Amino acid sequence: MVRSMYQQRGFSLIELMITIAIMGILVVAGIALTAQWAKQAELDKAIWSLQSAISSARAVALRNEFAKDGGIVTSQLCFDSTNHRITIHEASTGTAANCSNTANYSYPLADSVDIKQSDGETAFSCFAFDNRAQLIVGTASCSTSLHLTVINGGLNENKTFD
């Protein structure tokens, strides 16, 4: 039996190239999965922020600091699609709540998030609540249903808020 005086140490060029190719494939797959995961996380955060904002707007309506009656808008939840922000507005002494009043609360959303009516086409602008924290139907440009579609890129989720 012939013995080589030199033992192989290290890796061959082919072994290194195969290892680098496999690592490259794993990195590319990981980046794609991470991007999708981040979009889903932003979508989930937007839904939770919207749920929290609806609860806060109802609490403001129930508090009814300026003793507004029946069909008057006591609090209004507004979505500013330009700044990607959900705001809550309260009625004042002389006026009903509207989106041009000073915001009491503000919930920032990711720039890629959009909120639509339940049809998925019509832009969502606001919810109006009365002094019993009930959604007021017939308020100009405000949604008449608590069913919305939250969109983030290719992801969307239909949600009914209660």
N, C-alpha and C. Protein backbone atom coordinates (compact mmCIF):
# COMPACT_ATOMS: atom_id res chain seq x y z
N MET A 1 0.83 -1.16 0.00
CA MET A 1 0.00 0.00 0.00
C MET A 1 0.88 1.24 0.00
N VAL A 2 0.56 2.08 -0.94
CA VAL A 2 1.36 3.28 -1.11
C VAL A 2 0.70 4.39 -0.29
N ARG A 3 1.51 5.05 0.45
CA ARG A 3 1.02 6.14 1.27
C ARG A 3 1.52 7.45 0.75
N SER A 4 0.62 8.39 0.68
CA SER A 4 1.03 9.71 0.22
C SER A 4 1.65 10.45 1.38
N MET A 5 2.72 11.15 1.09
CA MET A 5 3.38 11.89 2.15
C MET A 5 2.63 13.17 2.48
N TYR A 6 1.79 13.59 1.54
CA TYR A 6 1.04 14.81 1.76
C TYR A 6 -0.41 14.47 2.05
N GLN A 7 -0.91 14.93 3.14
CA GLN A 7 -2.33 14.73 3.44
C GLN A 7 -3.07 16.00 3.03
N GLN A 8 -4.29 15.76 2.57
CA GLN A 8 -5.08 16.90 2.10
C GLN A 8 -5.51 17.73 3.30
N ARG A 9 -5.31 19.04 3.20
CA ARG A 9 -5.74 19.96 4.24
C ARG A 9 -6.54 21.07 3.58
N GLY A 10 -7.67 21.44 4.20
CA GLY A 10 -8.50 22.50 3.63
C GLY A 10 -9.54 21.94 2.68
N PHE A 11 -10.11 22.82 1.86
CA PHE A 11 -11.19 22.45 0.96
C PHE A 11 -10.77 22.71 -0.47
N SER A 12 -11.35 21.93 -1.36
CA SER A 12 -11.06 22.16 -2.78
C SER A 12 -11.90 23.34 -3.27
N LEU A 13 -11.54 23.85 -4.41
CA LEU A 13 -12.25 24.98 -5.01
C LEU A 13 -13.70 24.60 -5.31
N ILE A 14 -13.93 23.40 -5.77
CA ILE A 14 -15.30 22.96 -6.09
C ILE A 14 -16.14 22.89 -4.82
N GLU A 15 -15.60 22.37 -3.74
CA GLU A 15 -16.34 22.32 -2.47
C GLU A 15 -16.72 23.72 -1.99
N LEU A 16 -15.80 24.66 -2.10
CA LEU A 16 -16.09 26.04 -1.69
C LEU A 16 -17.16 26.66 -2.57
N MET A 17 -17.09 26.43 -3.88
CA MET A 17 -18.08 27.00 -4.80
C MET A 17 -19.48 26.44 -4.53
N ILE A 18 -19.57 25.15 -4.27
CA ILE A 18 -20.88 24.54 -3.97
C ILE A 18 -21.44 25.10 -2.67
N THR A 19 -20.60 25.23 -1.66
CA THR A 19 -21.04 25.79 -0.38
C THR A 19 -21.53 27.22 -0.54
N ILE A 20 -20.80 28.03 -1.28
CA ILE A 20 -21.21 29.43 -1.49
C ILE A 20 -22.51 29.50 -2.28
N ALA A 21 -22.68 28.63 -3.27
CA ALA A 21 -23.92 28.61 -4.07
C ALA A 21 -25.11 28.24 -3.20
N ILE A 22 -24.97 27.25 -2.35
CA ILE A 22 -26.06 26.84 -1.45
C ILE A 22 -26.39 27.97 -0.48
N MET A 23 -25.38 28.61 0.08
CA MET A 23 -25.62 29.73 1.00
C MET A 23 -26.32 30.89 0.28
N GLY A 24 -25.94 31.15 -0.96
CA GLY A 24 -26.59 32.21 -1.74
C GLY A 24 -28.07 31.93 -1.94
N ILE A 25 -28.40 30.70 -2.27
CA ILE A 25 -29.80 30.31 -2.46
C ILE A 25 -30.58 30.48 -1.16
N LEU A 26 -30.01 30.08 -0.05
CA LEU A 26 -30.68 30.24 1.25
C LEU A 26 -30.87 31.71 1.62
N VAL A 27 -29.90 32.55 1.33
CA VAL A 27 -30.02 33.98 1.62
C VAL A 27 -31.13 34.61 0.79
N VAL A 28 -31.19 34.29 -0.49
CA VAL A 28 -32.23 34.85 -1.37
C VAL A 28 -33.61 34.40 -0.88
N ALA A 29 -33.75 33.14 -0.54
CA ALA A 29 -35.04 32.64 -0.03
C ALA A 29 -35.39 33.31 1.30
N GLY A 30 -34.40 33.50 2.14
CA GLY A 30 -34.64 34.15 3.44
C GLY A 30 -35.08 35.59 3.30
N ILE A 31 -34.49 36.31 2.35
CA ILE A 31 -34.87 37.72 2.14
C ILE A 31 -36.32 37.80 1.66
N ALA A 32 -36.72 36.94 0.75
CA ALA A 32 -38.09 36.94 0.24
C ALA A 32 -39.08 36.64 1.37
N LEU A 33 -38.76 35.66 2.21
CA LEU A 33 -39.65 35.32 3.32
C LEU A 33 -39.70 36.44 4.36
N THR A 34 -38.58 37.09 4.61
CA THR A 34 -38.53 38.18 5.58
C THR A 34 -39.34 39.37 5.11
N ALA A 35 -39.27 39.70 3.83
CA ALA A 35 -40.04 40.83 3.30
C ALA A 35 -41.53 40.57 3.45
N GLN A 36 -41.97 39.37 3.15
CA GLN A 36 -43.39 39.03 3.28
C GLN A 36 -43.81 39.07 4.75
N TRP A 37 -42.95 38.59 5.62
CA TRP A 37 -43.24 38.59 7.05
C TRP A 37 -43.36 40.02 7.56
N ALA A 38 -42.50 40.93 7.11
CA ALA A 38 -42.55 42.32 7.55
C ALA A 38 -43.84 42.99 7.08
N LYS A 39 -44.27 42.73 5.84
CA LYS A 39 -45.53 43.29 5.34
C LYS A 39 -46.71 42.79 6.16
N GLN A 40 -46.70 41.50 6.51
CA GLN A 40 -47.79 40.94 7.32
C GLN A 40 -47.79 41.57 8.72
N ALA A 41 -46.62 41.80 9.28
CA ALA A 41 -46.54 42.44 10.60
C ALA A 41 -47.09 43.86 10.56
N GLU A 42 -46.78 44.62 9.49
CA GLU A 42 -47.33 45.97 9.34
C GLU A 42 -48.85 45.94 9.19
N LEU A 43 -49.36 44.96 8.46
CA LEU A 43 -50.80 44.80 8.28
C LEU A 43 -51.47 44.49 9.61
N ASP A 44 -50.89 43.57 10.37
CA ASP A 44 -51.44 43.22 11.69
C ASP A 44 -51.42 44.42 12.63
N LYS A 45 -50.34 45.19 12.60
CA LYS A 45 -50.25 46.37 13.47
C LYS A 45 -51.32 47.39 13.08
N ALA A 46 -51.56 47.58 11.79
CA ALA A 46 -52.58 48.52 11.33
C ALA A 46 -53.97 48.09 11.81
N ILE A 47 -54.25 46.79 11.76
CA ILE A 47 -55.56 46.29 12.21
C ILE A 47 -55.72 46.50 13.70
N TRP A 48 -54.69 46.22 14.47
CA TRP A 48 -54.76 46.43 15.92
C TRP A 48 -54.88 47.92 16.25
N SER A 49 -54.18 48.76 15.52
CA SER A 49 -54.29 50.21 15.74
C SER A 49 -55.70 50.70 15.43
N LEU A 50 -56.26 50.19 14.36
CA LEU A 50 -57.63 50.57 13.99
C LEU A 50 -58.63 50.11 15.05
N GLN A 51 -58.46 48.89 15.54
CA GLN A 51 -59.34 48.39 16.60
C GLN A 51 -59.21 49.25 17.86
N SER A 52 -58.00 49.59 18.22
CA SER A 52 -57.76 50.43 19.39
C SER A 52 -58.36 51.82 19.19
N ALA A 53 -58.21 52.38 17.98
CA ALA A 53 -58.75 53.71 17.70
C ALA A 53 -60.27 53.71 17.76
N ILE A 54 -60.91 52.65 17.26
CA ILE A 54 -62.37 52.56 17.34
C ILE A 54 -62.82 52.50 18.79
N SER A 55 -62.12 51.72 19.61
CA SER A 55 -62.46 51.64 21.04
C SER A 55 -62.29 53.00 21.71
N SER A 56 -61.21 53.71 21.38
CA SER A 56 -60.97 55.03 21.97
C SER A 56 -62.02 56.03 21.51
N ALA A 57 -62.40 55.99 20.23
CA ALA A 57 -63.42 56.91 19.72
C ALA A 57 -64.76 56.65 20.40
N ARG A 58 -65.08 55.40 20.64
CA ARG A 58 -66.33 55.07 21.35
C ARG A 58 -66.27 55.55 22.80
N ALA A 59 -65.11 55.42 23.43
CA ALA A 59 -64.97 55.91 24.81
C ALA A 59 -65.14 57.42 24.87
N VAL A 60 -64.57 58.13 23.89
CA VAL A 60 -64.74 59.59 23.83
C VAL A 60 -66.21 59.93 23.62
N ALA A 61 -66.90 59.18 22.77
CA ALA A 61 -68.33 59.42 22.52
C ALA A 61 -69.16 59.19 23.78
N LEU A 62 -68.84 58.13 24.51
CA LEU A 62 -69.58 57.84 25.74
C LEU A 62 -69.32 58.89 26.82
N ARG A 63 -68.10 59.38 26.85
CA ARG A 63 -67.77 60.43 27.83
C ARG A 63 -68.59 61.68 27.55
N ASN A 64 -68.80 62.01 26.30
CA ASN A 64 -69.69 63.08 25.85
C ASN A 64 -69.51 64.34 26.70
N GLU A 65 -68.32 64.83 26.73
CA GLU A 65 -67.94 65.97 27.58
C GLU A 65 -68.82 67.19 27.38
N PHE A 66 -69.32 67.42 26.17
CA PHE A 66 -70.11 68.62 25.90
C PHE A 66 -71.59 68.33 25.76
N ALA A 67 -72.06 67.19 26.29
CA ALA A 67 -73.47 66.81 26.38
C ALA A 67 -74.22 66.97 25.07
N LYS A 68 -73.70 66.37 24.03
CA LYS A 68 -74.38 66.38 22.73
C LYS A 68 -75.49 65.34 22.75
N ASP A 69 -76.60 65.63 22.07
CA ASP A 69 -77.75 64.71 22.04
C ASP A 69 -77.69 63.76 20.86
N GLY A 70 -78.55 62.76 20.92
CA GLY A 70 -78.88 61.80 19.89
C GLY A 70 -78.02 61.73 18.65
N GLY A 71 -78.48 62.28 17.54
CA GLY A 71 -77.83 62.10 16.25
C GLY A 71 -76.65 63.01 15.97
N ILE A 72 -76.20 63.76 16.96
CA ILE A 72 -75.05 64.66 16.77
C ILE A 72 -73.76 63.87 16.92
N VAL A 73 -72.80 64.16 16.07
CA VAL A 73 -71.52 63.45 16.10
C VAL A 73 -70.74 63.89 17.34
N THR A 74 -70.57 62.96 18.27
CA THR A 74 -69.86 63.24 19.51
C THR A 74 -68.37 62.98 19.38
N SER A 75 -68.02 61.94 18.63
CA SER A 75 -66.61 61.68 18.33
C SER A 75 -66.52 61.14 16.90
N GLN A 76 -65.37 61.40 16.29
CA GLN A 76 -65.18 60.96 14.92
C GLN A 76 -63.77 60.39 14.77
N LEU A 77 -63.71 59.22 14.15
CA LEU A 77 -62.43 58.59 13.84
C LEU A 77 -62.15 58.88 12.37
N CYS A 78 -60.99 59.44 12.07
CA CYS A 78 -60.65 59.84 10.71
C CYS A 78 -59.36 59.16 10.26
N PHE A 79 -59.31 58.83 8.97
CA PHE A 79 -58.10 58.26 8.38
C PHE A 79 -57.56 59.23 7.35
N ASP A 80 -56.34 59.68 7.57
CA ASP A 80 -55.66 60.58 6.63
C ASP A 80 -54.75 59.71 5.76
N SER A 81 -55.18 59.45 4.53
CA SER A 81 -54.42 58.56 3.65
C SER A 81 -53.12 59.19 3.15
N THR A 82 -53.01 60.50 3.23
CA THR A 82 -51.78 61.17 2.82
C THR A 82 -50.67 60.95 3.85
N ASN A 83 -51.00 61.16 5.12
CA ASN A 83 -50.01 61.01 6.20
C ASN A 83 -50.05 59.64 6.84
N HIS A 84 -50.95 58.78 6.40
CA HIS A 84 -51.11 57.43 6.95
C HIS A 84 -51.25 57.48 8.47
N ARG A 85 -52.30 58.15 8.89
CA ARG A 85 -52.52 58.37 10.31
C ARG A 85 -54.01 58.25 10.61
N ILE A 86 -54.34 57.56 11.69
CA ILE A 86 -55.72 57.49 12.19
C ILE A 86 -55.80 58.48 13.35
N THR A 87 -56.80 59.35 13.32
CA THR A 87 -56.97 60.34 14.38
C THR A 87 -58.38 60.26 14.95
N ILE A 88 -58.52 60.70 16.20
CA ILE A 88 -59.82 60.75 16.86
C ILE A 88 -60.10 62.19 17.25
N HIS A 89 -61.30 62.64 16.92
CA HIS A 89 -61.70 64.03 17.16
C HIS A 89 -62.95 64.04 18.03
N GLU A 90 -63.04 65.04 18.89
CA GLU A 90 -64.14 65.16 19.85
C GLU A 90 -64.94 66.42 19.54
N ALA A 91 -66.24 66.35 19.84
CA ALA A 91 -67.09 67.53 19.68
C ALA A 91 -66.64 68.60 20.67
N SER A 92 -66.90 69.85 20.32
CA SER A 92 -66.57 70.95 21.23
C SER A 92 -67.87 71.63 21.64
N THR A 93 -67.78 72.72 22.35
CA THR A 93 -68.96 73.41 22.87
C THR A 93 -69.96 73.75 21.77
N GLY A 94 -69.49 74.34 20.70
CA GLY A 94 -70.42 74.81 19.66
C GLY A 94 -70.54 73.92 18.44
N THR A 95 -69.67 72.93 18.28
CA THR A 95 -69.69 72.14 17.04
C THR A 95 -69.65 70.64 17.31
N ALA A 96 -70.17 69.91 16.34
CA ALA A 96 -70.08 68.46 16.38
C ALA A 96 -68.65 68.06 16.01
N ALA A 97 -68.28 66.85 16.35
CA ALA A 97 -66.93 66.36 16.01
C ALA A 97 -66.81 66.24 14.50
N ASN A 98 -65.65 66.61 13.97
CA ASN A 98 -65.35 66.40 12.55
C ASN A 98 -63.84 66.31 12.38
N CYS A 99 -63.44 65.88 11.21
CA CYS A 99 -62.02 65.62 10.95
C CYS A 99 -61.15 66.87 10.93
N SER A 100 -61.77 68.05 10.87
CA SER A 100 -60.98 69.28 10.87
C SER A 100 -60.74 69.81 12.29
N ASN A 101 -61.43 69.26 13.29
CA ASN A 101 -61.15 69.62 14.68
C ASN A 101 -59.75 69.15 15.07
N THR A 102 -59.25 69.66 16.16
CA THR A 102 -57.97 69.20 16.69
C THR A 102 -58.11 67.75 17.13
N ALA A 103 -57.14 66.93 16.78
CA ALA A 103 -57.18 65.50 17.13
C ALA A 103 -56.83 65.30 18.59
N ASN A 104 -57.60 64.44 19.25
CA ASN A 104 -57.31 64.06 20.64
C ASN A 104 -56.28 62.95 20.70
N TYR A 105 -56.39 62.01 19.77
CA TYR A 105 -55.50 60.86 19.73
C TYR A 105 -55.04 60.66 18.29
N SER A 106 -53.87 60.06 18.14
CA SER A 106 -53.33 59.83 16.81
C SER A 106 -52.62 58.48 16.78
N TYR A 107 -52.87 57.72 15.73
CA TYR A 107 -52.26 56.40 15.56
C TYR A 107 -51.53 56.38 14.21
N PRO A 108 -50.20 56.41 14.20
CA PRO A 108 -49.47 56.36 12.92
C PRO A 108 -49.49 54.95 12.34
N LEU A 109 -49.56 54.87 11.03
CA LEU A 109 -49.51 53.60 10.31
C LEU A 109 -48.31 53.61 9.37
N ALA A 110 -47.92 52.43 8.90
CA ALA A 110 -46.84 52.33 7.92
C ALA A 110 -47.28 53.01 6.62
N ASP A 111 -46.34 53.59 5.89
CA ASP A 111 -46.65 54.30 4.66
C ASP A 111 -47.29 53.42 3.60
N SER A 112 -47.04 52.14 3.65
CA SER A 112 -47.58 51.23 2.64
C SER A 112 -48.99 50.74 2.94
N VAL A 113 -49.53 51.08 4.11
CA VAL A 113 -50.85 50.60 4.52
C VAL A 113 -51.94 51.55 4.02
N ASP A 114 -53.02 50.95 3.51
CA ASP A 114 -54.18 51.72 3.08
C ASP A 114 -55.43 51.05 3.63
N ILE A 115 -56.48 51.84 3.85
CA ILE A 115 -57.73 51.33 4.38
C ILE A 115 -58.84 51.67 3.39
N LYS A 116 -59.62 50.66 3.03
CA LYS A 116 -60.72 50.83 2.08
C LYS A 116 -62.03 50.38 2.73
N GLN A 117 -63.15 50.80 2.10
CA GLN A 117 -64.46 50.31 2.52
C GLN A 117 -64.52 48.82 2.24
N SER A 118 -65.58 48.17 2.66
CA SER A 118 -65.70 46.72 2.51
C SER A 118 -65.64 46.25 1.06
N ASP A 119 -65.96 47.12 0.10
CA ASP A 119 -65.89 46.71 -1.31
C ASP A 119 -64.45 46.62 -1.82
N GLY A 120 -63.49 47.12 -1.05
CA GLY A 120 -62.09 47.07 -1.42
C GLY A 120 -61.67 48.12 -2.43
N GLU A 121 -62.61 48.95 -2.88
CA GLU A 121 -62.33 49.97 -3.90
C GLU A 121 -62.46 51.39 -3.35
N THR A 122 -63.51 51.64 -2.59
CA THR A 122 -63.81 52.98 -2.09
C THR A 122 -62.91 53.31 -0.91
N ALA A 123 -62.31 54.48 -0.94
CA ALA A 123 -61.41 54.90 0.15
C ALA A 123 -62.19 55.10 1.44
N PHE A 124 -61.59 54.68 2.54
CA PHE A 124 -62.19 54.90 3.86
C PHE A 124 -61.72 56.26 4.36
N SER A 125 -62.66 57.06 4.90
CA SER A 125 -62.26 58.37 5.44
C SER A 125 -62.57 58.51 6.92
N CYS A 126 -63.74 58.03 7.37
CA CYS A 126 -64.08 58.26 8.79
C CYS A 126 -65.22 57.38 9.28
N PHE A 127 -65.33 57.32 10.61
CA PHE A 127 -66.49 56.79 11.33
C PHE A 127 -66.99 57.91 12.22
N ALA A 128 -68.30 58.06 12.34
CA ALA A 128 -68.89 59.06 13.24
C ALA A 128 -69.70 58.32 14.30
N PHE A 129 -69.52 58.70 15.57
CA PHE A 129 -70.21 58.05 16.67
C PHE A 129 -71.07 59.06 17.42
N ASP A 130 -72.24 58.60 17.89
CA ASP A 130 -73.12 59.47 18.67
C ASP A 130 -72.81 59.31 20.16
N ASN A 131 -73.64 59.93 21.02
CA ASN A 131 -73.38 59.92 22.46
C ASN A 131 -73.57 58.54 23.10
N ARG A 132 -74.10 57.55 22.36
CA ARG A 132 -74.21 56.18 22.86
C ARG A 132 -73.14 55.28 22.26
N ALA A 133 -72.17 55.87 21.58
CA ALA A 133 -71.06 55.17 20.92
C ALA A 133 -71.54 54.29 19.78
N GLN A 134 -72.68 54.66 19.19
CA GLN A 134 -73.21 53.95 18.04
C GLN A 134 -72.77 54.65 16.76
N LEU A 135 -72.51 53.87 15.73
CA LEU A 135 -72.13 54.42 14.44
C LEU A 135 -73.30 55.21 13.87
N ILE A 136 -73.05 56.44 13.47
CA ILE A 136 -74.11 57.28 12.89
C ILE A 136 -74.13 57.05 11.38
N VAL A 137 -75.28 56.67 10.88
CA VAL A 137 -75.45 56.42 9.46
C VAL A 137 -75.94 57.71 8.81
N GLY A 138 -75.40 58.03 7.66
CA GLY A 138 -75.85 59.21 6.94
C GLY A 138 -74.98 60.43 7.12
N THR A 139 -73.87 60.29 7.85
CA THR A 139 -72.94 61.40 7.99
C THR A 139 -72.14 61.52 6.70
N ALA A 140 -71.98 62.72 6.23
CA ALA A 140 -71.30 62.96 4.94
C ALA A 140 -69.94 62.28 4.91
N SER A 141 -69.69 61.51 3.91
CA SER A 141 -68.43 60.84 3.59
C SER A 141 -67.95 59.82 4.62
N CYS A 142 -68.65 59.63 5.71
CA CYS A 142 -68.23 58.64 6.71
C CYS A 142 -68.83 57.28 6.40
N SER A 143 -68.12 56.26 6.76
CA SER A 143 -68.54 54.89 6.51
C SER A 143 -69.78 54.55 7.32
N THR A 144 -70.65 53.75 6.72
CA THR A 144 -71.87 53.33 7.41
C THR A 144 -71.76 51.90 7.91
N SER A 145 -70.60 51.30 7.74
CA SER A 145 -70.38 49.92 8.15
C SER A 145 -69.02 49.81 8.82
N LEU A 146 -68.95 48.97 9.84
CA LEU A 146 -67.68 48.73 10.53
C LEU A 146 -66.88 47.61 9.85
N HIS A 147 -67.21 47.32 8.60
CA HIS A 147 -66.49 46.31 7.84
C HIS A 147 -65.54 47.02 6.88
N LEU A 148 -64.24 46.79 7.06
CA LEU A 148 -63.21 47.46 6.25
C LEU A 148 -62.24 46.45 5.67
N THR A 149 -61.50 46.90 4.65
CA THR A 149 -60.42 46.12 4.08
C THR A 149 -59.13 46.89 4.32
N VAL A 150 -58.18 46.26 5.00
CA VAL A 150 -56.88 46.87 5.27
C VAL A 150 -55.89 46.24 4.29
N ILE A 151 -55.14 47.09 3.58
CA ILE A 151 -54.28 46.64 2.49
C ILE A 151 -52.83 47.06 2.76
N ASN A 152 -51.91 46.14 2.49
CA ASN A 152 -50.49 46.45 2.56
C ASN A 152 -49.81 45.73 1.40
N GLY A 153 -49.57 46.47 0.33
CA GLY A 153 -48.98 45.87 -0.86
C GLY A 153 -49.92 44.82 -1.44
N GLY A 154 -49.44 43.61 -1.62
CA GLY A 154 -50.25 42.53 -2.15
C GLY A 154 -51.10 41.84 -1.10
N LEU A 155 -50.90 42.17 0.16
CA LEU A 155 -51.67 41.56 1.23
C LEU A 155 -52.89 42.42 1.55
N ASN A 156 -54.01 41.79 1.82
CA ASN A 156 -55.16 42.53 2.32
C ASN A 156 -55.95 41.65 3.27
N GLU A 157 -56.65 42.28 4.16
CA GLU A 157 -57.44 41.55 5.14
C GLU A 157 -58.75 42.28 5.34
N ASN A 158 -59.84 41.51 5.23
CA ASN A 158 -61.18 42.06 5.49
C ASN A 158 -61.46 41.87 6.97
N LYS A 159 -61.93 42.91 7.60
CA LYS A 159 -62.14 42.87 9.06
C LYS A 159 -63.44 43.58 9.40
N THR A 160 -64.23 42.97 10.24
CA THR A 160 -65.42 43.61 10.78
C THR A 160 -65.12 43.96 12.23
N PHE A 161 -65.19 45.23 12.54
CA PHE A 161 -64.91 45.71 13.90
C PHE A 161 -66.22 45.81 14.67
N ASP A 162 -66.19 45.41 15.92
CA ASP A 162 -67.43 45.50 16.71
C ASP A 162 -67.31 46.44 17.86
